[in-house]
Amino acid sequence: MVLVDDRREEADPARDPLLLDNQLCYALYAAAHRMTKAYRPLLERIGLTYPQYLVLLVLWEQDRVTVSEIGRRLRLDSGTLTPVLKRLEGAGLLLRNRRQSDEREVEIALTPEGRGLRDEAAQVRESVMCQLALSEPEVRALRTDLNHLIECLGGND
């Protein structure tokens, strides 16, 4: 009689591709969730949601851009972006107007109140960076790696 030992050798966890801790997608998901969670209370103090903050970042960089340009920069479709823009307009932070040169395009422009939030937003970013305990060069390197990942996964979508 031959006895078969059903016990398998313990697999090296670092090599198991289906362990949760070995998933890049999960690490990115969890990091993104934690990042937005870190921003949330700070942004609430200045009356913004995280998506609204992202829109304002685009506008602080370049005012008077089209909805499609904001969508391209944030990798969002207009169906997702339009409600955010409407709320920001309702809060008096931006104006939406049809371009005279092409009425199919809607141009987004900051109001003085919208421009005025920039300094407060800089303090929000500084607070989050302190939580990360990363140097600016480390943040830049991480961002470079993440942008490379985005491009590899079809970042031009």
Protein backbone atom coordinates (compact mmCIF):
# COMPACT_ATOMS: atom_id res chain seq x y z
CA MET A 1 0.00 0.00 0.00
CA VAL A 2 1.34 3.43 -1.00
CA LEU A 3 0.43 6.42 1.11
CA VAL A 4 0.08 9.67 -0.73
CA ASP A 5 0.95 12.79 1.15
CA ASP A 6 -1.55 15.45 0.10
CA ARG A 7 0.31 18.14 1.91
CA ARG A 8 2.02 20.38 -0.55
CA GLU A 9 5.19 22.23 0.16
CA GLU A 10 4.43 25.68 1.33
CA ALA A 11 4.60 27.87 -1.74
CA ASP A 12 6.73 30.97 -1.63
CA PRO A 13 4.14 33.73 -1.03
CA ALA A 14 6.25 36.23 -2.96
CA ARG A 15 5.81 34.07 -6.07
CA ASP A 16 2.07 33.42 -5.85
CA PRO A 17 0.61 35.75 -8.49
CA LEU A 18 -2.89 35.57 -7.01
CA LEU A 19 -2.19 36.64 -3.46
CA LEU A 20 -3.82 39.97 -2.73
CA ASP A 21 -0.57 41.38 -1.35
CA ASN A 22 1.12 40.61 -4.68
CA GLN A 23 -1.39 42.58 -6.76
CA LEU A 24 -0.20 45.86 -8.22
CA CYS A 25 -3.80 46.73 -9.08
CA TYR A 26 -4.83 46.38 -5.44
CA ALA A 27 -1.89 48.43 -4.16
CA LEU A 28 -2.81 51.22 -6.61
CA TYR A 29 -6.50 50.99 -5.68
CA ALA A 30 -5.76 51.14 -1.95
CA ALA A 31 -3.28 54.00 -2.39
CA ALA A 32 -5.76 56.02 -4.47
CA HIS A 33 -8.47 55.42 -1.88
CA ARG A 34 -6.18 56.50 0.98
CA MET A 35 -5.02 59.56 -0.96
CA THR A 36 -8.57 60.80 -1.58
CA LYS A 37 -9.39 60.04 2.06
CA ALA A 38 -6.45 62.18 3.17
CA TYR A 39 -7.59 65.07 0.97
CA ARG A 40 -11.31 64.88 1.85
CA PRO A 41 -11.39 66.62 5.27
CA LEU A 42 -8.91 69.28 4.16
CA LEU A 43 -10.90 70.05 1.02
CA GLU A 44 -14.19 70.09 2.93
CA ARG A 45 -12.82 73.01 4.96
CA ILE A 46 -12.57 75.07 1.77
CA GLY A 47 -15.88 73.78 0.39
CA LEU A 48 -14.58 71.41 -2.29
CA THR A 49 -14.87 67.76 -3.18
CA TYR A 50 -11.88 65.89 -4.58
CA PRO A 51 -13.21 65.92 -8.18
CA GLN A 52 -13.89 69.65 -7.89
CA TYR A 53 -10.34 70.17 -6.65
CA LEU A 54 -8.98 68.32 -9.68
CA VAL A 55 -10.99 70.53 -12.05
CA LEU A 56 -9.70 73.64 -10.30
CA LEU A 57 -6.12 72.37 -10.57
CA VAL A 58 -6.54 72.29 -14.34
CA LEU A 59 -8.03 75.78 -14.37
CA TRP A 60 -5.39 77.26 -12.06
CA GLU A 61 -2.81 75.95 -14.51
CA GLN A 62 -4.63 77.36 -17.54
CA ASP A 63 -7.81 79.40 -17.30
CA ARG A 64 -10.40 79.58 -20.07
CA VAL A 65 -10.23 76.06 -21.43
CA THR A 66 -12.93 73.92 -22.97
CA VAL A 67 -14.81 71.16 -21.22
CA SER A 68 -13.19 68.67 -23.59
CA GLU A 69 -9.71 69.94 -22.64
CA ILE A 70 -10.48 69.54 -18.92
CA GLY A 71 -11.81 66.05 -19.65
CA ARG A 72 -8.67 65.15 -21.58
CA ARG A 73 -6.41 66.39 -18.78
CA LEU A 74 -8.37 64.53 -16.09
CA ARG A 75 -9.13 61.50 -18.26
CA LEU A 76 -12.86 61.97 -17.65
CA ASP A 77 -15.77 61.95 -20.08
CA SER A 78 -18.11 64.93 -20.32
CA GLY A 79 -20.94 62.96 -18.67
CA THR A 80 -18.83 62.64 -15.53
CA LEU A 81 -17.39 66.13 -15.75
CA THR A 82 -20.55 68.16 -16.43
CA PRO A 83 -22.17 67.68 -12.98
CA VAL A 84 -18.89 68.68 -11.29
CA LEU A 85 -18.68 71.81 -13.44
CA LYS A 86 -22.31 72.69 -12.70
CA ARG A 87 -21.70 72.43 -8.95
CA LEU A 88 -18.59 74.60 -9.21
CA GLU A 89 -20.54 77.14 -11.24
CA GLY A 90 -23.34 77.07 -8.65
CA ALA A 91 -20.76 77.74 -5.95
CA GLY A 92 -19.60 80.80 -7.87
CA LEU A 93 -16.12 79.43 -8.62
CA LEU A 94 -16.33 79.26 -12.40
CA LEU A 95 -18.39 80.31 -15.41
CA ARG A 96 -19.44 78.14 -18.34
CA ASN A 97 -19.96 79.92 -21.67
CA ARG A 98 -20.23 78.87 -25.30
CA ARG A 99 -17.23 79.99 -27.33
CA GLN A 100 -18.05 82.67 -29.85
CA SER A 101 -15.60 81.16 -32.33
CA ASP A 102 -17.31 77.75 -32.13
CA GLU A 103 -20.60 77.50 -30.25
CA ARG A 104 -20.25 73.73 -29.97
CA GLU A 105 -17.46 74.26 -27.45
CA VAL A 106 -18.12 75.28 -23.86
CA GLU A 107 -15.36 77.37 -22.31
CA ILE A 108 -14.72 77.25 -18.58
CA ALA A 109 -13.34 80.33 -16.84
CA LEU A 110 -12.51 80.94 -13.20
CA THR A 111 -14.28 83.64 -11.27
CA PRO A 112 -12.29 85.82 -8.84
CA GLU A 113 -13.58 83.52 -6.05
CA GLY A 114 -12.29 80.48 -7.92
CA ARG A 115 -8.88 82.06 -8.40
CA GLY A 116 -8.90 83.04 -4.73
CA LEU A 117 -9.05 79.42 -3.56
CA ARG A 118 -5.64 78.65 -5.06
CA ASP A 119 -3.64 79.72 -1.98
CA GLU A 120 -5.86 77.66 0.32
CA ALA A 121 -5.50 74.66 -1.99
CA ALA A 122 -1.72 74.97 -1.81
CA GLN A 123 -1.99 74.57 1.96
CA VAL A 124 -4.15 71.46 1.45
CA ARG A 125 -1.48 69.90 -0.76
CA GLU A 126 1.23 70.80 1.73
CA SER A 127 -0.72 69.09 4.54
CA VAL A 128 -1.12 65.91 2.53
CA MET A 129 2.56 65.91 1.52
CA CYS A 130 3.49 66.12 5.21
CA GLN A 131 1.40 63.00 5.85
CA LEU A 132 3.28 61.15 3.11
CA ALA A 133 6.68 61.93 4.57
CA LEU A 134 8.17 61.87 1.06
CA SER A 135 10.58 64.42 -0.34
CA GLU A 136 9.63 66.38 -3.46
CA PRO A 137 12.14 64.34 -5.54
CA GLU A 138 10.55 61.12 -4.24
CA VAL A 139 7.08 62.44 -5.12
CA ARG A 140 8.29 63.39 -8.62
CA ALA A 141 9.83 59.92 -9.14
CA LEU A 142 6.65 58.19 -7.98
CA ARG A 143 4.54 60.40 -10.24
CA THR A 144 6.86 59.62 -13.19
CA ASP A 145 6.46 55.89 -12.56
CA LEU A 146 2.67 56.20 -12.27
CA ASN A 147 2.44 58.27 -15.47
CA HIS A 148 4.48 55.59 -17.24
CA LEU A 149 2.03 52.96 -15.97
CA ILE A 150 -0.91 55.04 -17.18
CA GLU A 151 0.66 55.32 -20.64
CA CYS A 152 1.39 51.58 -20.76
CA LEU A 153 -2.26 50.85 -19.99
CA GLY A 154 -3.57 53.10 -22.74
CA GLY A 155 -3.26 56.51 -21.18
CA ASN A 156 -4.32 58.26 -24.37
CA ASP A 157 -7.92 57.14 -23.89
